[in-house]
N, C-alpha and C. Protein backbone atom coordinates (compact mmCIF):
# COMPACT_ATOMS: atom_id res chain seq x y z
N MET A 1 160.52 20.47 -29.61
CA MET A 1 160.01 20.89 -30.89
C MET A 1 158.70 21.66 -30.67
N ARG A 2 158.52 22.72 -31.41
CA ARG A 2 157.30 23.54 -31.33
C ARG A 2 156.30 23.01 -32.36
N ILE A 3 155.13 22.61 -31.88
CA ILE A 3 154.16 21.92 -32.74
C ILE A 3 152.80 22.60 -32.68
N LEU A 4 152.20 22.77 -33.85
CA LEU A 4 150.82 23.23 -33.97
C LEU A 4 149.97 22.01 -34.27
N ILE A 5 148.91 21.80 -33.50
CA ILE A 5 147.99 20.69 -33.73
C ILE A 5 146.78 21.23 -34.48
N VAL A 6 146.47 20.62 -35.62
CA VAL A 6 145.28 20.98 -36.38
C VAL A 6 144.38 19.74 -36.39
N GLU A 7 143.32 19.81 -35.60
CA GLU A 7 142.45 18.65 -35.36
C GLU A 7 141.08 19.17 -34.98
N ASP A 8 140.03 18.73 -35.69
CA ASP A 8 138.69 19.24 -35.41
C ASP A 8 137.94 18.44 -34.34
N GLU A 9 138.53 17.38 -33.83
CA GLU A 9 137.93 16.66 -32.70
C GLU A 9 138.69 17.06 -31.44
N LEU A 10 138.01 17.86 -30.60
CA LEU A 10 138.67 18.49 -29.45
C LEU A 10 139.30 17.47 -28.50
N LEU A 11 138.63 16.37 -28.22
CA LEU A 11 139.18 15.37 -27.29
C LEU A 11 140.49 14.80 -27.82
N ILE A 12 140.53 14.48 -29.11
CA ILE A 12 141.77 13.97 -29.72
C ILE A 12 142.86 15.04 -29.63
N ALA A 13 142.50 16.28 -29.92
CA ALA A 13 143.48 17.37 -29.88
C ALA A 13 144.05 17.56 -28.48
N LEU A 14 143.20 17.53 -27.47
CA LEU A 14 143.66 17.73 -26.10
C LEU A 14 144.52 16.56 -25.61
N ASN A 15 144.14 15.34 -25.98
CA ASN A 15 144.96 14.17 -25.61
C ASN A 15 146.31 14.23 -26.30
N THR A 16 146.32 14.63 -27.56
CA THR A 16 147.57 14.76 -28.31
C THR A 16 148.45 15.83 -27.69
N GLN A 17 147.85 16.94 -27.32
CA GLN A 17 148.61 18.01 -26.67
C GLN A 17 149.24 17.52 -25.37
N ALA A 18 148.47 16.83 -24.55
CA ALA A 18 148.99 16.32 -23.27
C ALA A 18 150.14 15.34 -23.51
N ASP A 19 150.00 14.46 -24.49
CA ASP A 19 151.05 13.48 -24.79
C ASP A 19 152.33 14.17 -25.28
N LEU A 20 152.18 15.15 -26.16
CA LEU A 20 153.35 15.86 -26.69
C LEU A 20 154.06 16.67 -25.60
N GLU A 21 153.28 17.35 -24.77
CA GLU A 21 153.88 18.16 -23.71
C GLU A 21 154.55 17.28 -22.66
N ALA A 22 153.97 16.12 -22.37
CA ALA A 22 154.59 15.18 -21.42
C ALA A 22 155.93 14.69 -21.95
N ALA A 23 156.09 14.67 -23.27
CA ALA A 23 157.35 14.23 -23.89
C ALA A 23 158.33 15.38 -24.08
N GLY A 24 157.98 16.58 -23.60
CA GLY A 24 158.90 17.70 -23.64
C GLY A 24 158.74 18.65 -24.82
N HIS A 25 157.72 18.43 -25.64
CA HIS A 25 157.48 19.33 -26.77
C HIS A 25 156.61 20.50 -26.33
N THR A 26 156.63 21.56 -27.11
CA THR A 26 155.79 22.73 -26.86
C THR A 26 154.69 22.76 -27.90
N VAL A 27 153.45 22.72 -27.45
CA VAL A 27 152.32 22.85 -28.36
C VAL A 27 151.96 24.34 -28.38
N ILE A 28 152.14 24.95 -29.56
CA ILE A 28 151.90 26.39 -29.66
C ILE A 28 150.42 26.72 -29.79
N GLY A 29 149.61 25.71 -30.08
CA GLY A 29 148.18 25.94 -30.18
C GLY A 29 147.46 24.76 -30.80
N ILE A 30 146.14 24.83 -30.72
CA ILE A 30 145.26 23.85 -31.35
C ILE A 30 144.34 24.63 -32.28
N ALA A 31 144.33 24.24 -33.54
CA ALA A 31 143.43 24.84 -34.52
C ALA A 31 142.42 23.79 -34.95
N MET A 32 141.17 24.20 -35.08
CA MET A 32 140.13 23.25 -35.47
C MET A 32 139.68 23.44 -36.92
N THR A 33 140.12 24.52 -37.56
CA THR A 33 139.79 24.78 -38.96
C THR A 33 141.06 25.18 -39.70
N SER A 34 141.01 25.12 -41.02
CA SER A 34 142.18 25.55 -41.79
C SER A 34 142.44 27.04 -41.59
N ARG A 35 141.41 27.83 -41.46
CA ARG A 35 141.59 29.28 -41.24
C ARG A 35 142.33 29.54 -39.93
N GLU A 36 141.94 28.84 -38.87
CA GLU A 36 142.65 28.97 -37.58
C GLU A 36 144.10 28.49 -37.72
N ALA A 37 144.31 27.44 -38.49
CA ALA A 37 145.66 26.91 -38.68
C ALA A 37 146.56 27.95 -39.34
N PHE A 38 146.03 28.67 -40.35
CA PHE A 38 146.82 29.71 -41.02
C PHE A 38 147.22 30.80 -40.03
N ARG A 39 146.25 31.26 -39.24
CA ARG A 39 146.53 32.33 -38.27
C ARG A 39 147.58 31.90 -37.25
N GLN A 40 147.44 30.67 -36.73
CA GLN A 40 148.37 30.22 -35.70
C GLN A 40 149.75 29.90 -36.27
N ALA A 41 149.79 29.41 -37.51
CA ALA A 41 151.09 29.16 -38.14
C ALA A 41 151.83 30.47 -38.35
N GLU A 42 151.11 31.49 -38.77
CA GLU A 42 151.74 32.80 -39.01
C GLU A 42 152.23 33.42 -37.71
N SER A 43 151.42 33.38 -36.67
CA SER A 43 151.79 34.05 -35.43
C SER A 43 152.74 33.23 -34.57
N GLY A 44 152.60 31.89 -34.58
CA GLY A 44 153.39 31.06 -33.68
C GLY A 44 154.63 30.44 -34.30
N ARG A 45 154.68 30.39 -35.63
CA ARG A 45 155.81 29.81 -36.37
C ARG A 45 156.31 28.50 -35.75
N PRO A 46 155.47 27.46 -35.78
CA PRO A 46 155.90 26.16 -35.24
C PRO A 46 156.98 25.53 -36.10
N ASP A 47 157.64 24.53 -35.53
CA ASP A 47 158.61 23.75 -36.29
C ASP A 47 157.89 22.72 -37.16
N LEU A 48 156.71 22.28 -36.71
CA LEU A 48 155.97 21.21 -37.37
C LEU A 48 154.48 21.42 -37.11
N VAL A 49 153.67 21.04 -38.10
CA VAL A 49 152.22 21.03 -37.93
C VAL A 49 151.76 19.57 -37.96
N LEU A 50 151.05 19.15 -36.92
CA LEU A 50 150.41 17.84 -36.91
C LEU A 50 149.01 18.07 -37.46
N MET A 51 148.77 17.69 -38.72
CA MET A 51 147.61 18.10 -39.49
C MET A 51 146.63 16.96 -39.76
N ASP A 52 145.41 17.10 -39.23
CA ASP A 52 144.34 16.18 -39.59
C ASP A 52 144.03 16.40 -41.07
N VAL A 53 143.86 15.34 -41.83
CA VAL A 53 143.62 15.47 -43.26
C VAL A 53 142.20 15.96 -43.55
N ARG A 54 141.24 15.44 -42.82
CA ARG A 54 139.84 15.82 -43.05
C ARG A 54 139.34 16.66 -41.88
N LEU A 55 139.13 17.93 -42.16
CA LEU A 55 138.63 18.85 -41.15
C LEU A 55 137.16 19.16 -41.43
N ALA A 56 136.41 19.49 -40.38
CA ALA A 56 135.01 19.85 -40.56
C ALA A 56 134.90 21.13 -41.41
N GLU A 57 135.84 22.05 -41.21
CA GLU A 57 135.88 23.29 -41.98
C GLU A 57 137.26 23.43 -42.60
N GLY A 58 137.36 23.06 -43.87
CA GLY A 58 138.63 23.17 -44.57
C GLY A 58 139.19 21.81 -44.91
N ASN A 59 140.28 21.84 -45.65
CA ASN A 59 140.93 20.62 -46.13
C ASN A 59 142.35 20.62 -45.60
N GLY A 60 142.72 19.58 -44.86
CA GLY A 60 144.04 19.52 -44.25
C GLY A 60 145.18 19.47 -45.24
N VAL A 61 144.98 18.80 -46.37
CA VAL A 61 146.03 18.71 -47.38
C VAL A 61 146.29 20.10 -47.97
N GLU A 62 145.21 20.79 -48.33
CA GLU A 62 145.35 22.14 -48.88
C GLU A 62 145.94 23.09 -47.85
N ALA A 63 145.52 22.95 -46.60
CA ALA A 63 146.06 23.82 -45.54
C ALA A 63 147.56 23.59 -45.38
N ALA A 64 147.99 22.33 -45.42
CA ALA A 64 149.43 22.03 -45.32
C ALA A 64 150.20 22.67 -46.46
N GLN A 65 149.64 22.63 -47.66
CA GLN A 65 150.31 23.23 -48.81
C GLN A 65 150.44 24.74 -48.66
N VAL A 66 149.39 25.40 -48.18
CA VAL A 66 149.42 26.85 -48.00
C VAL A 66 150.42 27.23 -46.90
N ILE A 67 150.40 26.52 -45.80
CA ILE A 67 151.32 26.80 -44.69
C ILE A 67 152.77 26.61 -45.14
N HIS A 68 153.03 25.57 -45.89
CA HIS A 68 154.39 25.34 -46.38
C HIS A 68 154.80 26.42 -47.37
N ALA A 69 153.90 26.80 -48.27
CA ALA A 69 154.22 27.81 -49.28
C ALA A 69 154.50 29.17 -48.65
N HIS A 70 153.74 29.53 -47.63
CA HIS A 70 153.89 30.86 -47.02
C HIS A 70 154.99 30.94 -45.97
N TRP A 71 155.14 29.90 -45.16
CA TRP A 71 156.05 29.99 -44.02
C TRP A 71 157.11 28.89 -43.99
N GLY A 72 157.10 27.99 -44.96
CA GLY A 72 158.12 26.94 -45.02
C GLY A 72 158.01 25.91 -43.92
N ILE A 73 156.83 25.75 -43.35
CA ILE A 73 156.61 24.82 -42.24
C ILE A 73 156.01 23.53 -42.81
N VAL A 74 156.63 22.39 -42.48
CA VAL A 74 156.12 21.11 -42.97
C VAL A 74 155.08 20.54 -42.00
N SER A 75 154.27 19.65 -42.54
CA SER A 75 153.23 19.00 -41.76
C SER A 75 153.47 17.50 -41.70
N LEU A 76 153.01 16.90 -40.62
CA LEU A 76 152.87 15.47 -40.51
C LEU A 76 151.37 15.22 -40.49
N PHE A 77 150.86 14.55 -41.52
CA PHE A 77 149.43 14.28 -41.57
C PHE A 77 149.05 13.28 -40.50
N ALA A 78 147.84 13.41 -39.99
CA ALA A 78 147.25 12.44 -39.07
C ALA A 78 145.87 12.13 -39.61
N THR A 79 145.61 10.87 -39.91
CA THR A 79 144.32 10.51 -40.48
C THR A 79 143.94 9.08 -40.14
N SER A 80 142.65 8.85 -40.09
CA SER A 80 142.16 7.49 -39.88
C SER A 80 141.76 6.86 -41.21
N TYR A 81 141.86 7.61 -42.27
CA TYR A 81 141.47 7.11 -43.59
C TYR A 81 142.61 6.35 -44.23
N ALA A 82 142.27 5.30 -44.93
CA ALA A 82 143.28 4.39 -45.48
C ALA A 82 144.00 4.97 -46.69
N GLU A 83 143.31 5.86 -47.44
CA GLU A 83 143.94 6.35 -48.66
C GLU A 83 145.08 7.30 -48.33
N LYS A 84 146.05 7.32 -49.23
CA LYS A 84 147.17 8.25 -49.08
C LYS A 84 146.68 9.62 -49.54
N PRO A 85 146.95 10.67 -48.76
CA PRO A 85 146.54 12.00 -49.18
C PRO A 85 147.12 12.32 -50.56
N ALA A 86 146.38 13.14 -51.30
CA ALA A 86 146.81 13.53 -52.64
C ALA A 86 148.20 14.15 -52.60
N SER A 87 148.79 14.28 -53.74
CA SER A 87 150.14 14.83 -53.86
C SER A 87 150.27 16.13 -53.06
N THR A 88 151.31 16.18 -52.26
CA THR A 88 151.49 17.35 -51.39
C THR A 88 152.81 18.06 -51.65
N GLY A 89 153.55 17.61 -52.64
CA GLY A 89 154.86 18.21 -52.87
C GLY A 89 155.72 18.00 -51.63
N ASN A 90 156.32 19.06 -51.16
CA ASN A 90 157.14 18.99 -49.95
C ASN A 90 156.42 19.52 -48.72
N ALA A 91 155.10 19.72 -48.81
CA ALA A 91 154.35 20.28 -47.70
C ALA A 91 154.23 19.30 -46.54
N ALA A 92 154.26 18.00 -46.82
CA ALA A 92 154.10 17.00 -45.76
C ALA A 92 155.29 16.05 -45.77
N ILE A 93 155.72 15.71 -44.57
CA ILE A 93 156.86 14.81 -44.41
C ILE A 93 156.42 13.36 -44.27
N GLY A 94 155.14 13.15 -43.93
CA GLY A 94 154.65 11.80 -43.77
C GLY A 94 153.23 11.78 -43.24
N CYS A 95 152.80 10.59 -42.83
CA CYS A 95 151.44 10.41 -42.35
C CYS A 95 151.44 9.44 -41.16
N LEU A 96 150.79 9.86 -40.10
CA LEU A 96 150.59 9.04 -38.90
C LEU A 96 149.13 8.60 -38.89
N ARG A 97 148.92 7.29 -38.98
CA ARG A 97 147.56 6.75 -39.03
C ARG A 97 146.92 6.75 -37.64
N LYS A 98 145.66 7.15 -37.62
CA LYS A 98 144.86 7.09 -36.39
C LYS A 98 144.18 5.73 -36.34
N PRO A 99 143.89 5.22 -35.18
CA PRO A 99 144.23 5.81 -33.89
C PRO A 99 145.70 5.58 -33.57
N TYR A 100 146.29 6.54 -32.88
CA TYR A 100 147.66 6.39 -32.42
C TYR A 100 147.68 6.53 -30.90
N ASP A 101 148.62 5.84 -30.29
CA ASP A 101 148.76 5.95 -28.84
C ASP A 101 149.93 6.89 -28.53
N GLN A 102 150.14 7.15 -27.25
CA GLN A 102 151.19 8.09 -26.85
C GLN A 102 152.55 7.64 -27.36
N ARG A 103 152.83 6.36 -27.25
CA ARG A 103 154.15 5.86 -27.66
C ARG A 103 154.41 6.09 -29.15
N SER A 104 153.45 5.70 -30.00
CA SER A 104 153.67 5.87 -31.44
C SER A 104 153.68 7.34 -31.84
N LEU A 105 152.89 8.17 -31.17
CA LEU A 105 152.90 9.61 -31.45
C LEU A 105 154.26 10.21 -31.13
N VAL A 106 154.73 9.97 -29.93
CA VAL A 106 156.00 10.55 -29.49
C VAL A 106 157.17 10.01 -30.32
N GLN A 107 157.17 8.72 -30.60
CA GLN A 107 158.23 8.13 -31.41
C GLN A 107 158.18 8.71 -32.84
N SER A 108 156.99 8.90 -33.38
CA SER A 108 156.86 9.46 -34.72
C SER A 108 157.39 10.88 -34.79
N ILE A 109 157.07 11.68 -33.79
CA ILE A 109 157.57 13.07 -33.76
C ILE A 109 159.09 13.07 -33.64
N GLN A 110 159.65 12.17 -32.83
CA GLN A 110 161.10 12.07 -32.70
C GLN A 110 161.74 11.72 -34.05
N ILE A 111 161.16 10.78 -34.76
CA ILE A 111 161.69 10.39 -36.06
C ILE A 111 161.58 11.53 -37.06
N VAL A 112 160.45 12.21 -37.08
CA VAL A 112 160.27 13.36 -37.98
C VAL A 112 161.29 14.44 -37.67
N GLU A 113 161.53 14.69 -36.40
CA GLU A 113 162.53 15.69 -36.00
C GLU A 113 163.92 15.30 -36.52
N GLN A 114 164.26 14.03 -36.43
CA GLN A 114 165.56 13.56 -36.94
C GLN A 114 165.65 13.77 -38.45
N VAL A 115 164.62 13.40 -39.18
CA VAL A 115 164.61 13.53 -40.63
C VAL A 115 164.69 15.01 -41.03
N MET A 116 163.96 15.87 -40.31
CA MET A 116 164.00 17.30 -40.61
C MET A 116 165.38 17.88 -40.36
N SER A 117 166.14 17.26 -39.48
CA SER A 117 167.51 17.71 -39.18
C SER A 117 168.53 17.09 -40.12
N GLY A 118 168.07 16.29 -41.07
CA GLY A 118 168.97 15.67 -42.03
C GLY A 118 169.57 14.36 -41.57
N LEU A 119 169.01 13.78 -40.51
CA LEU A 119 169.53 12.53 -39.97
C LEU A 119 168.65 11.35 -40.39
N GLU A 120 169.22 10.18 -40.31
CA GLU A 120 168.44 8.96 -40.50
C GLU A 120 167.75 8.64 -39.16
N PRO A 121 166.54 8.08 -39.21
CA PRO A 121 165.88 7.68 -37.95
C PRO A 121 166.73 6.68 -37.17
N THR A 122 166.81 6.88 -35.86
CA THR A 122 167.62 5.99 -35.01
C THR A 122 166.81 4.83 -34.46
N SER A 123 165.51 4.83 -34.70
CA SER A 123 164.68 3.72 -34.24
C SER A 123 163.75 3.30 -35.37
N PRO A 124 163.22 2.09 -35.29
CA PRO A 124 162.29 1.64 -36.33
C PRO A 124 161.04 2.52 -36.36
N LEU A 125 160.47 2.68 -37.54
CA LEU A 125 159.23 3.45 -37.66
C LEU A 125 158.09 2.68 -37.01
N PRO A 126 157.23 3.39 -36.26
CA PRO A 126 156.02 2.73 -35.76
C PRO A 126 155.22 2.21 -36.96
N SER A 127 154.46 1.16 -36.75
CA SER A 127 153.72 0.54 -37.86
C SER A 127 152.70 1.49 -38.49
N ASN A 128 152.27 2.52 -37.76
CA ASN A 128 151.27 3.44 -38.29
C ASN A 128 151.89 4.75 -38.80
N LEU A 129 153.20 4.79 -38.99
CA LEU A 129 153.87 5.97 -39.54
C LEU A 129 154.41 5.66 -40.92
N GLU A 130 154.09 6.52 -41.86
CA GLU A 130 154.66 6.44 -43.21
C GLU A 130 155.38 7.74 -43.49
N LEU A 131 156.66 7.65 -43.83
CA LEU A 131 157.40 8.83 -44.24
C LEU A 131 157.36 8.92 -45.76
N TYR A 132 157.15 10.13 -46.27
CA TYR A 132 157.12 10.33 -47.71
C TYR A 132 158.54 10.53 -48.21
N GLN A 133 158.81 10.10 -49.43
CA GLN A 133 160.11 10.33 -50.05
C GLN A 133 160.26 11.82 -50.31
N ARG A 134 161.38 12.35 -49.93
CA ARG A 134 161.63 13.77 -50.13
C ARG A 134 163.11 14.01 -50.02
N SER A 135 163.52 15.10 -50.55
CA SER A 135 164.92 15.50 -50.41
C SER A 135 165.11 16.06 -49.02
N ILE A 136 166.12 15.58 -48.30
CA ILE A 136 166.39 16.07 -46.96
C ILE A 136 166.60 17.58 -46.98
N ALA A 137 167.25 18.08 -48.03
CA ALA A 137 167.52 19.52 -48.11
C ALA A 137 166.22 20.31 -48.20
N GLN A 138 165.13 19.67 -48.65
CA GLN A 138 163.86 20.37 -48.79
C GLN A 138 163.00 20.23 -47.56
N ALA A 139 163.45 19.51 -46.55
CA ALA A 139 162.62 19.28 -45.37
C ALA A 139 162.33 20.58 -44.63
N ARG A 140 163.26 21.49 -44.64
CA ARG A 140 163.08 22.77 -43.96
C ARG A 140 163.87 23.81 -44.73
N PRO A 141 163.22 24.87 -45.20
CA PRO A 141 163.97 25.86 -45.97
C PRO A 141 165.02 26.55 -45.11
N VAL A 142 166.10 26.96 -45.77
CA VAL A 142 167.16 27.67 -45.07
C VAL A 142 166.74 29.13 -44.94
N ALA A 143 166.80 29.65 -43.73
CA ALA A 143 166.36 31.03 -43.48
C ALA A 143 167.41 32.03 -43.91
């Protein structure tokens, strides 16, 4: 799966990139601001955006909505905050709570990939992953 990481803490972003690449995914880039996320989503067209909800420059929820509206790319939120991000429509498929380890990250991406393909998850959800209710047909627009 081609993934864009949007995370303003560089160490977390680099560790996440290493974990995803070790699991066979392609990280198309790391964006630290919503503006960088827009540019990289447009040029790299990832399958999924792993989106930090609170960015130092920009708002992750709003960035996910813009990316979904323009390019049909869904996000998986990543946050250490307990509150559920505001209504996102179909822009986000779920939320992965921080801190996450390699196992829960990789398992969460695998589950998200299955759901985006219209399948039911084949393994239990990690305790720090919440999937949002959505229509499977809306998970990824038909090109």
